Amino acid sequence: QGGTFRANQVVEERVMDSGALERE
């Protein structure tokens, strides 16, 4: 909502959890 991503950009969920262990 702060306009960091383009309107049509595909963004993963929990984008800040960048490490594999964090995402798992």
mmCIF file of all heavy atoms, coordinates in Angstrom:
data_MODEL
# 
_entry.id   MODEL 
# 
loop_
_atom_site.group_PDB 
_atom_site.id 
_atom_site.type_symbol 
_atom_site.label_atom_id 
_atom_site.label_alt_id 
_atom_site.label_comp_id 
_atom_site.label_asym_id 
_atom_site.label_entity_id 
_atom_site.label_seq_id 
_atom_site.pdbx_PDB_ins_code 
_atom_site.Cartn_x 
_atom_site.Cartn_y 
_atom_site.Cartn_z 
_atom_site.occupancy 
_atom_site.B_iso_or_equiv 
_atom_site.pdbx_formal_charge 
_atom_site.auth_seq_id 
_atom_site.auth_comp_id 
_atom_site.auth_asym_id 
_atom_site.auth_atom_id 
_atom_site.pdbx_PDB_model_num 
ATOM 1   N N   . GLN A 1 1  ? 0.811  -1.215  0.000   1.00 0.00 ? 1  GLN A N   1 
ATOM 2   C CA  . GLN A 1 1  ? 0.000  0.000   0.000   1.00 0.00 ? 1  GLN A CA  1 
ATOM 3   C C   . GLN A 1 1  ? 0.848  1.270   0.000   1.00 0.00 ? 1  GLN A C   1 
ATOM 4   O O   . GLN A 1 1  ? 0.353  2.352   -0.322  1.00 0.00 ? 1  GLN A O   1 
ATOM 5   C CB  . GLN A 1 1  ? -0.954 -0.007  1.194   1.00 0.00 ? 1  GLN A CB  1 
ATOM 6   C CG  . GLN A 1 1  ? -1.979 -1.137  1.109   1.00 0.00 ? 1  GLN A CG  1 
ATOM 7   C CD  . GLN A 1 1  ? -3.017 -1.088  2.216   1.00 0.00 ? 1  GLN A CD  1 
ATOM 8   O OE1 . GLN A 1 1  ? -3.353 -0.024  2.722   1.00 0.00 ? 1  GLN A OE1 1 
ATOM 9   N NE2 . GLN A 1 1  ? -3.534 -2.257  2.590   1.00 0.00 ? 1  GLN A NE2 1 
ATOM 10  N N   . GLY A 1 2  ? 2.137  1.132   0.364   1.00 0.00 ? 2  GLY A N   1 
ATOM 11  C CA  . GLY A 1 2  ? 3.042  2.279   0.317   1.00 0.00 ? 2  GLY A CA  1 
ATOM 12  C C   . GLY A 1 2  ? 3.664  2.473   -1.045  1.00 0.00 ? 2  GLY A C   1 
ATOM 13  O O   . GLY A 1 2  ? 4.548  3.325   -1.226  1.00 0.00 ? 2  GLY A O   1 
ATOM 14  N N   . GLY A 1 3  ? 3.235  1.673   -2.044  1.00 0.00 ? 3  GLY A N   1 
ATOM 15  C CA  . GLY A 1 3  ? 3.708  1.863   -3.416  1.00 0.00 ? 3  GLY A CA  1 
ATOM 16  C C   . GLY A 1 3  ? 5.085  1.298   -3.693  1.00 0.00 ? 3  GLY A C   1 
ATOM 17  O O   . GLY A 1 3  ? 5.721  1.656   -4.686  1.00 0.00 ? 3  GLY A O   1 
ATOM 18  N N   . THR A 1 4  ? 5.570  0.394   -2.822  1.00 0.00 ? 4  THR A N   1 
ATOM 19  C CA  . THR A 1 4  ? 6.897  -0.189  -3.047  1.00 0.00 ? 4  THR A CA  1 
ATOM 20  C C   . THR A 1 4  ? 6.904  -1.086  -4.285  1.00 0.00 ? 4  THR A C   1 
ATOM 21  O O   . THR A 1 4  ? 7.896  -1.167  -5.005  1.00 0.00 ? 4  THR A O   1 
ATOM 22  C CB  . THR A 1 4  ? 7.332  -0.998  -1.802  1.00 0.00 ? 4  THR A CB  1 
ATOM 23  O OG1 . THR A 1 4  ? 7.394  -0.096  -0.704  1.00 0.00 ? 4  THR A OG1 1 
ATOM 24  C CG2 . THR A 1 4  ? 8.683  -1.648  -2.003  1.00 0.00 ? 4  THR A CG2 1 
ATOM 25  N N   . PHE A 1 5  ? 5.794  -1.778  -4.529  1.00 0.00 ? 5  PHE A N   1 
ATOM 26  C CA  . PHE A 1 5  ? 5.717  -2.688  -5.670  1.00 0.00 ? 5  PHE A CA  1 
ATOM 27  C C   . PHE A 1 5  ? 4.819  -2.092  -6.755  1.00 0.00 ? 5  PHE A C   1 
ATOM 28  O O   . PHE A 1 5  ? 3.859  -1.378  -6.462  1.00 0.00 ? 5  PHE A O   1 
ATOM 29  C CB  . PHE A 1 5  ? 5.145  -4.051  -5.233  1.00 0.00 ? 5  PHE A CB  1 
ATOM 30  C CG  . PHE A 1 5  ? 5.880  -4.663  -4.090  1.00 0.00 ? 5  PHE A CG  1 
ATOM 31  C CD1 . PHE A 1 5  ? 5.252  -4.862  -2.858  1.00 0.00 ? 5  PHE A CD1 1 
ATOM 32  C CD2 . PHE A 1 5  ? 7.205  -5.038  -4.210  1.00 0.00 ? 5  PHE A CD2 1 
ATOM 33  C CE1 . PHE A 1 5  ? 5.931  -5.411  -1.783  1.00 0.00 ? 5  PHE A CE1 1 
ATOM 34  C CE2 . PHE A 1 5  ? 7.892  -5.589  -3.134  1.00 0.00 ? 5  PHE A CE2 1 
ATOM 35  C CZ  . PHE A 1 5  ? 7.251  -5.782  -1.927  1.00 0.00 ? 5  PHE A CZ  1 
ATOM 36  N N   . ARG A 1 6  ? 5.110  -2.424  -8.001  1.00 0.00 ? 6  ARG A N   1 
ATOM 37  C CA  . ARG A 1 6  ? 4.226  -2.033  -9.097  1.00 0.00 ? 6  ARG A CA  1 
ATOM 38  C C   . ARG A 1 6  ? 2.875  -2.729  -8.950  1.00 0.00 ? 6  ARG A C   1 
ATOM 39  O O   . ARG A 1 6  ? 2.778  -3.808  -8.360  1.00 0.00 ? 6  ARG A O   1 
ATOM 40  C CB  . ARG A 1 6  ? 4.822  -2.431  -10.455 1.00 0.00 ? 6  ARG A CB  1 
ATOM 41  C CG  . ARG A 1 6  ? 6.150  -1.813  -10.786 1.00 0.00 ? 6  ARG A CG  1 
ATOM 42  C CD  . ARG A 1 6  ? 6.537  -2.138  -12.217 1.00 0.00 ? 6  ARG A CD  1 
ATOM 43  N NE  . ARG A 1 6  ? 6.397  -3.546  -12.546 1.00 0.00 ? 6  ARG A NE  1 
ATOM 44  C CZ  . ARG A 1 6  ? 7.316  -4.478  -12.311 1.00 0.00 ? 6  ARG A CZ  1 
ATOM 45  N NH1 . ARG A 1 6  ? 8.451  -4.137  -11.714 1.00 0.00 ? 6  ARG A NH1 1 
ATOM 46  N NH2 . ARG A 1 6  ? 7.124  -5.739  -12.646 1.00 0.00 ? 6  ARG A NH2 1 
ATOM 47  N N   . ALA A 1 7  ? 1.848  -2.146  -9.516  1.00 0.00 ? 7  ALA A N   1 
ATOM 48  C CA  . ALA A 1 7  ? 0.491  -2.694  -9.373  1.00 0.00 ? 7  ALA A CA  1 
ATOM 49  C C   . ALA A 1 7  ? 0.389  -4.113  -9.911  1.00 0.00 ? 7  ALA A C   1 
ATOM 50  O O   . ALA A 1 7  ? -0.335 -4.944  -9.365  1.00 0.00 ? 7  ALA A O   1 
ATOM 51  C CB  . ALA A 1 7  ? -0.506 -1.790  -10.085 1.00 0.00 ? 7  ALA A CB  1 
ATOM 52  N N   . ASN A 1 8  ? 1.161  -4.408  -10.982 1.00 0.00 ? 8  ASN A N   1 
ATOM 53  C CA  . ASN A 1 8  ? 1.065  -5.739  -11.596 1.00 0.00 ? 8  ASN A CA  1 
ATOM 54  C C   . ASN A 1 8  ? 2.208  -6.669  -11.190 1.00 0.00 ? 8  ASN A C   1 
ATOM 55  O O   . ASN A 1 8  ? 2.386  -7.731  -11.774 1.00 0.00 ? 8  ASN A O   1 
ATOM 56  C CB  . ASN A 1 8  ? 1.038  -5.603  -13.132 1.00 0.00 ? 8  ASN A CB  1 
ATOM 57  C CG  . ASN A 1 8  ? 2.326  -4.989  -13.669 1.00 0.00 ? 8  ASN A CG  1 
ATOM 58  O OD1 . ASN A 1 8  ? 3.089  -4.415  -12.905 1.00 0.00 ? 8  ASN A OD1 1 
ATOM 59  N ND2 . ASN A 1 8  ? 2.556  -5.104  -14.964 1.00 0.00 ? 8  ASN A ND2 1 
ATOM 60  N N   . GLN A 1 9  ? 2.995  -6.241  -10.202 1.00 0.00 ? 9  GLN A N   1 
ATOM 61  C CA  . GLN A 1 9  ? 4.163  -7.039  -9.824  1.00 0.00 ? 9  GLN A CA  1 
ATOM 62  C C   . GLN A 1 9  ? 3.747  -8.258  -9.002  1.00 0.00 ? 9  GLN A C   1 
ATOM 63  O O   . GLN A 1 9  ? 2.917  -8.155  -8.096  1.00 0.00 ? 9  GLN A O   1 
ATOM 64  C CB  . GLN A 1 9  ? 5.139  -6.178  -9.005  1.00 0.00 ? 9  GLN A CB  1 
ATOM 65  C CG  . GLN A 1 9  ? 6.475  -6.852  -8.718  1.00 0.00 ? 9  GLN A CG  1 
ATOM 66  C CD  . GLN A 1 9  ? 7.466  -5.862  -8.090  1.00 0.00 ? 9  GLN A CD  1 
ATOM 67  O OE1 . GLN A 1 9  ? 7.266  -4.663  -8.148  1.00 0.00 ? 9  GLN A OE1 1 
ATOM 68  N NE2 . GLN A 1 9  ? 8.526  -6.379  -7.504  1.00 0.00 ? 9  GLN A NE2 1 
ATOM 69  N N   . VAL A 1 10 ? 4.333  -9.415  -9.342  1.00 0.00 ? 10 VAL A N   1 
ATOM 70  C CA  . VAL A 1 10 ? 4.061  -10.644 -8.577  1.00 0.00 ? 10 VAL A CA  1 
ATOM 71  C C   . VAL A 1 10 ? 4.989  -10.643 -7.362  1.00 0.00 ? 10 VAL A C   1 
ATOM 72  O O   . VAL A 1 10 ? 6.203  -10.594 -7.493  1.00 0.00 ? 10 VAL A O   1 
ATOM 73  C CB  . VAL A 1 10 ? 4.309  -11.900 -9.443  1.00 0.00 ? 10 VAL A CB  1 
ATOM 74  C CG1 . VAL A 1 10 ? 4.091  -13.154 -8.610  1.00 0.00 ? 10 VAL A CG1 1 
ATOM 75  C CG2 . VAL A 1 10 ? 3.392  -11.889 -10.654 1.00 0.00 ? 10 VAL A CG2 1 
ATOM 76  N N   . VAL A 1 11 ? 4.389  -10.688 -6.168  1.00 0.00 ? 11 VAL A N   1 
ATOM 77  C CA  . VAL A 1 11 ? 5.170  -10.607 -4.929  1.00 0.00 ? 11 VAL A CA  1 
ATOM 78  C C   . VAL A 1 11 ? 4.881  -11.833 -4.076  1.00 0.00 ? 11 VAL A C   1 
ATOM 79  O O   . VAL A 1 11 ? 3.732  -12.206 -3.871  1.00 0.00 ? 11 VAL A O   1 
ATOM 80  C CB  . VAL A 1 11 ? 4.799  -9.329  -4.133  1.00 0.00 ? 11 VAL A CB  1 
ATOM 81  C CG1 . VAL A 1 11 ? 5.654  -9.225  -2.888  1.00 0.00 ? 11 VAL A CG1 1 
ATOM 82  C CG2 . VAL A 1 11 ? 4.963  -8.097  -5.006  1.00 0.00 ? 11 VAL A CG2 1 
ATOM 83  N N   . GLU A 1 12 ? 5.957  -12.453 -3.568  1.00 0.00 ? 12 GLU A N   1 
ATOM 84  C CA  . GLU A 1 12 ? 5.766  -13.598 -2.666  1.00 0.00 ? 12 GLU A CA  1 
ATOM 85  C C   . GLU A 1 12 ? 5.142  -13.124 -1.357  1.00 0.00 ? 12 GLU A C   1 
ATOM 86  O O   . GLU A 1 12 ? 5.305  -11.982 -0.948  1.00 0.00 ? 12 GLU A O   1 
ATOM 87  C CB  . GLU A 1 12 ? 7.126  -14.231 -2.334  1.00 0.00 ? 12 GLU A CB  1 
ATOM 88  C CG  . GLU A 1 12 ? 7.748  -15.015 -3.462  1.00 0.00 ? 12 GLU A CG  1 
ATOM 89  C CD  . GLU A 1 12 ? 9.013  -15.713 -2.962  1.00 0.00 ? 12 GLU A CD  1 
ATOM 90  O OE1 . GLU A 1 12 ? 10.062 -15.081 -2.898  1.00 0.00 ? 12 GLU A OE1 1 
ATOM 91  O OE2 . GLU A 1 12 ? 8.910  -16.901 -2.626  1.00 0.00 ? 12 GLU A OE2 1 
ATOM 92  N N   . GLU A 1 13 ? 4.457  -14.037 -0.676  1.00 0.00 ? 13 GLU A N   1 
ATOM 93  C CA  . GLU A 1 13 ? 3.992  -13.724 0.674   1.00 0.00 ? 13 GLU A CA  1 
ATOM 94  C C   . GLU A 1 13 ? 5.195  -13.692 1.618   1.00 0.00 ? 13 GLU A C   1 
ATOM 95  O O   . GLU A 1 13 ? 6.198  -14.341 1.395   1.00 0.00 ? 13 GLU A O   1 
ATOM 96  C CB  . GLU A 1 13 ? 2.997  -14.793 1.155   1.00 0.00 ? 13 GLU A CB  1 
ATOM 97  C CG  . GLU A 1 13 ? 1.619  -14.646 0.544   1.00 0.00 ? 13 GLU A CG  1 
ATOM 98  C CD  . GLU A 1 13 ? 0.615  -15.545 1.238   1.00 0.00 ? 13 GLU A CD  1 
ATOM 99  O OE1 . GLU A 1 13 ? 0.921  -16.040 2.336   1.00 0.00 ? 13 GLU A OE1 1 
ATOM 100 O OE2 . GLU A 1 13 ? -0.461 -15.744 0.673   1.00 0.00 ? 13 GLU A OE2 1 
ATOM 101 N N   . ARG A 1 14 ? 5.064  -12.918 2.704   1.00 0.00 ? 14 ARG A N   1 
ATOM 102 C CA  . ARG A 1 14 ? 6.143  -12.790 3.702   1.00 0.00 ? 14 ARG A CA  1 
ATOM 103 C C   . ARG A 1 14 ? 7.458  -12.475 3.007   1.00 0.00 ? 14 ARG A C   1 
ATOM 104 O O   . ARG A 1 14 ? 8.462  -13.153 3.160   1.00 0.00 ? 14 ARG A O   1 
ATOM 105 C CB  . ARG A 1 14 ? 6.279  -14.055 4.562   1.00 0.00 ? 14 ARG A CB  1 
ATOM 106 C CG  . ARG A 1 14 ? 5.007  -14.462 5.261   1.00 0.00 ? 14 ARG A CG  1 
ATOM 107 C CD  . ARG A 1 14 ? 5.240  -15.381 6.449   1.00 0.00 ? 14 ARG A CD  1 
ATOM 108 N NE  . ARG A 1 14 ? 6.397  -16.234 6.301   1.00 0.00 ? 14 ARG A NE  1 
ATOM 109 C CZ  . ARG A 1 14 ? 6.389  -17.431 5.728   1.00 0.00 ? 14 ARG A CZ  1 
ATOM 110 N NH1 . ARG A 1 14 ? 5.280  -17.906 5.212   1.00 0.00 ? 14 ARG A NH1 1 
ATOM 111 N NH2 . ARG A 1 14 ? 7.483  -18.160 5.667   1.00 0.00 ? 14 ARG A NH2 1 
ATOM 112 N N   . VAL A 1 15 ? 7.439  -11.383 2.222   1.00 0.00 ? 15 VAL A N   1 
ATOM 113 C CA  . VAL A 1 15 ? 8.576  -11.037 1.385   1.00 0.00 ? 15 VAL A CA  1 
ATOM 114 C C   . VAL A 1 15 ? 9.810  -10.684 2.221   1.00 0.00 ? 15 VAL A C   1 
ATOM 115 O O   . VAL A 1 15 ? 10.936 -10.845 1.780   1.00 0.00 ? 15 VAL A O   1 
ATOM 116 C CB  . VAL A 1 15 ? 8.185  -9.882  0.422   1.00 0.00 ? 15 VAL A CB  1 
ATOM 117 C CG1 . VAL A 1 15 ? 7.954  -8.591  1.171   1.00 0.00 ? 15 VAL A CG1 1 
ATOM 118 C CG2 . VAL A 1 15 ? 9.208  -9.705  -0.669  1.00 0.00 ? 15 VAL A CG2 1 
ATOM 119 N N   . MET A 1 16 ? 9.614  -10.253 3.477   1.00 0.00 ? 16 MET A N   1 
ATOM 120 C CA  . MET A 1 16 ? 10.752 -9.893  4.326   1.00 0.00 ? 16 MET A CA  1 
ATOM 121 C C   . MET A 1 16 ? 11.483 -11.120 4.856   1.00 0.00 ? 16 MET A C   1 
ATOM 122 O O   . MET A 1 16 ? 12.639 -11.034 5.259   1.00 0.00 ? 16 MET A O   1 
ATOM 123 C CB  . MET A 1 16 ? 10.284 -9.035  5.504   1.00 0.00 ? 16 MET A CB  1 
ATOM 124 C CG  . MET A 1 16 ? 9.826  -7.647  5.107   1.00 0.00 ? 16 MET A CG  1 
ATOM 125 S SD  . MET A 1 16 ? 11.157 -6.618  4.501   1.00 0.00 ? 16 MET A SD  1 
ATOM 126 C CE  . MET A 1 16 ? 11.952 -6.173  6.041   1.00 0.00 ? 16 MET A CE  1 
ATOM 127 N N   . ASP A 1 17 ? 10.806 -12.284 4.910   1.00 0.00 ? 17 ASP A N   1 
ATOM 128 C CA  . ASP A 1 17 ? 11.489 -13.509 5.340   1.00 0.00 ? 17 ASP A CA  1 
ATOM 129 C C   . ASP A 1 17 ? 12.249 -14.065 4.142   1.00 0.00 ? 17 ASP A C   1 
ATOM 130 O O   . ASP A 1 17 ? 11.750 -14.899 3.401   1.00 0.00 ? 17 ASP A O   1 
ATOM 131 C CB  . ASP A 1 17 ? 10.481 -14.539 5.873   1.00 0.00 ? 17 ASP A CB  1 
ATOM 132 C CG  . ASP A 1 17 ? 10.015 -14.200 7.279   1.00 0.00 ? 17 ASP A CG  1 
ATOM 133 O OD1 . ASP A 1 17 ? 10.668 -13.363 7.924   1.00 0.00 ? 17 ASP A OD1 1 
ATOM 134 O OD2 . ASP A 1 17 ? 9.013  -14.767 7.732   1.00 0.00 ? 17 ASP A OD2 1 
ATOM 135 N N   . SER A 1 18 ? 13.491 -13.586 3.975   1.00 0.00 ? 18 SER A N   1 
ATOM 136 C CA  . SER A 1 18 ? 14.226 -13.895 2.753   1.00 0.00 ? 18 SER A CA  1 
ATOM 137 C C   . SER A 1 18 ? 15.014 -15.196 2.844   1.00 0.00 ? 18 SER A C   1 
ATOM 138 O O   . SER A 1 18 ? 15.331 -15.809 1.836   1.00 0.00 ? 18 SER A O   1 
ATOM 139 C CB  . SER A 1 18 ? 15.182 -12.743 2.419   1.00 0.00 ? 18 SER A CB  1 
ATOM 140 O OG  . SER A 1 18 ? 15.953 -12.411 3.564   1.00 0.00 ? 18 SER A OG  1 
ATOM 141 N N   . GLY A 1 19 ? 15.346 -15.645 4.053   1.00 0.00 ? 19 GLY A N   1 
ATOM 142 C CA  . GLY A 1 19 ? 16.119 -16.875 4.196   1.00 0.00 ? 19 GLY A CA  1 
ATOM 143 C C   . GLY A 1 19 ? 15.242 -18.112 4.037   1.00 0.00 ? 19 GLY A C   1 
ATOM 144 O O   . GLY A 1 19 ? 14.061 -18.099 4.378   1.00 0.00 ? 19 GLY A O   1 
ATOM 145 N N   . ALA A 1 20 ? 15.842 -19.202 3.515   1.00 0.00 ? 20 ALA A N   1 
ATOM 146 C CA  . ALA A 1 20 ? 15.075 -20.439 3.312   1.00 0.00 ? 20 ALA A CA  1 
ATOM 147 C C   . ALA A 1 20 ? 14.495 -20.956 4.629   1.00 0.00 ? 20 ALA A C   1 
ATOM 148 O O   . ALA A 1 20 ? 13.337 -21.371 4.693   1.00 0.00 ? 20 ALA A O   1 
ATOM 149 C CB  . ALA A 1 20 ? 15.971 -21.497 2.676   1.00 0.00 ? 20 ALA A CB  1 
ATOM 150 N N   . LEU A 1 21 ? 15.301 -20.911 5.686   1.00 0.00 ? 21 LEU A N   1 
ATOM 151 C CA  . LEU A 1 21 ? 14.820 -21.388 6.993   1.00 0.00 ? 21 LEU A CA  1 
ATOM 152 C C   . LEU A 1 21 ? 13.680 -20.510 7.520   1.00 0.00 ? 21 LEU A C   1 
ATOM 153 O O   . LEU A 1 21 ? 12.731 -21.011 8.122   1.00 0.00 ? 21 LEU A O   1 
ATOM 154 C CB  . LEU A 1 21 ? 15.975 -21.370 8.006   1.00 0.00 ? 21 LEU A CB  1 
ATOM 155 C CG  . LEU A 1 21 ? 16.776 -22.660 8.148   1.00 0.00 ? 21 LEU A CG  1 
ATOM 156 C CD1 . LEU A 1 21 ? 17.979 -22.422 9.036   1.00 0.00 ? 21 LEU A CD1 1 
ATOM 157 C CD2 . LEU A 1 21 ? 15.919 -23.765 8.723   1.00 0.00 ? 21 LEU A CD2 1 
ATOM 158 N N   . GLU A 1 22 ? 13.782 -19.197 7.281   1.00 0.00 ? 22 GLU A N   1 
ATOM 159 C CA  . GLU A 1 22 ? 12.722 -18.297 7.746   1.00 0.00 ? 22 GLU A CA  1 
ATOM 160 C C   . GLU A 1 22 ? 11.402 -18.611 7.042   1.00 0.00 ? 22 GLU A C   1 
ATOM 161 O O   . GLU A 1 22 ? 10.338 -18.612 7.663   1.00 0.00 ? 22 GLU A O   1 
ATOM 162 C CB  . GLU A 1 22 ? 13.129 -16.844 7.469   1.00 0.00 ? 22 GLU A CB  1 
ATOM 163 C CG  . GLU A 1 22 ? 14.312 -16.371 8.308   1.00 0.00 ? 22 GLU A CG  1 
ATOM 164 C CD  . GLU A 1 22 ? 14.679 -14.934 8.020   1.00 0.00 ? 22 GLU A CD  1 
ATOM 165 O OE1 . GLU A 1 22 ? 14.851 -14.573 6.857   1.00 0.00 ? 22 GLU A OE1 1 
ATOM 166 O OE2 . GLU A 1 22 ? 14.792 -14.160 8.984   1.00 0.00 ? 22 GLU A OE2 1 
ATOM 167 N N   . ARG A 1 23 ? 11.490 -18.869 5.736   1.00 0.00 ? 23 ARG A N   1 
ATOM 168 C CA  . ARG A 1 23 ? 10.262 -19.123 4.980   1.00 0.00 ? 23 ARG A CA  1 
ATOM 169 C C   . ARG A 1 23 ? 9.645  -20.461 5.380   1.00 0.00 ? 23 ARG A C   1 
ATOM 170 O O   . ARG A 1 23 ? 8.429  -20.603 5.472   1.00 0.00 ? 23 ARG A O   1 
ATOM 171 C CB  . ARG A 1 23 ? 10.561 -19.100 3.475   1.00 0.00 ? 23 ARG A CB  1 
ATOM 172 C CG  . ARG A 1 23 ? 11.064 -17.755 2.993   1.00 0.00 ? 23 ARG A CG  1 
ATOM 173 C CD  . ARG A 1 23 ? 10.996 -17.631 1.486   1.00 0.00 ? 23 ARG A CD  1 
ATOM 174 N NE  . ARG A 1 23 ? 9.608  -17.579 1.032   1.00 0.00 ? 23 ARG A NE  1 
ATOM 175 C CZ  . ARG A 1 23 ? 8.823  -16.517 1.112   1.00 0.00 ? 23 ARG A CZ  1 
ATOM 176 N NH1 . ARG A 1 23 ? 9.288  -15.390 1.619   1.00 0.00 ? 23 ARG A NH1 1 
ATOM 177 N NH2 . ARG A 1 23 ? 7.581  -16.555 0.695   1.00 0.00 ? 23 ARG A NH2 1 
ATOM 178 N N   . GLU A 1 24 ? 10.497 -21.474 5.626   1.00 0.00 ? 24 GLU A N   1 
ATOM 179 C CA  . GLU A 1 24 ? 9.983  -22.798 5.992   1.00 0.00 ? 24 GLU A CA  1 
ATOM 180 C C   . GLU A 1 24 ? 9.333  -22.782 7.370   1.00 0.00 ? 24 GLU A C   1 
ATOM 181 O O   . GLU A 1 24 ? 8.286  -23.377 7.587   1.00 0.00 ? 24 GLU A O   1 
ATOM 182 C CB  . GLU A 1 24 ? 11.109 -23.825 5.976   1.00 0.00 ? 24 GLU A CB  1 
ATOM 183 C CG  . GLU A 1 24 ? 11.543 -24.214 4.565   1.00 0.00 ? 24 GLU A CG  1 
ATOM 184 C CD  . GLU A 1 24 ? 12.805 -25.057 4.582   1.00 0.00 ? 24 GLU A CD  1 
ATOM 185 O OE1 . GLU A 1 24 ? 13.054 -25.738 5.591   1.00 0.00 ? 24 GLU A OE1 1 
ATOM 186 O OE2 . GLU A 1 24 ? 13.544 -25.022 3.594   1.00 0.00 ? 24 GLU A OE2 1 
# 
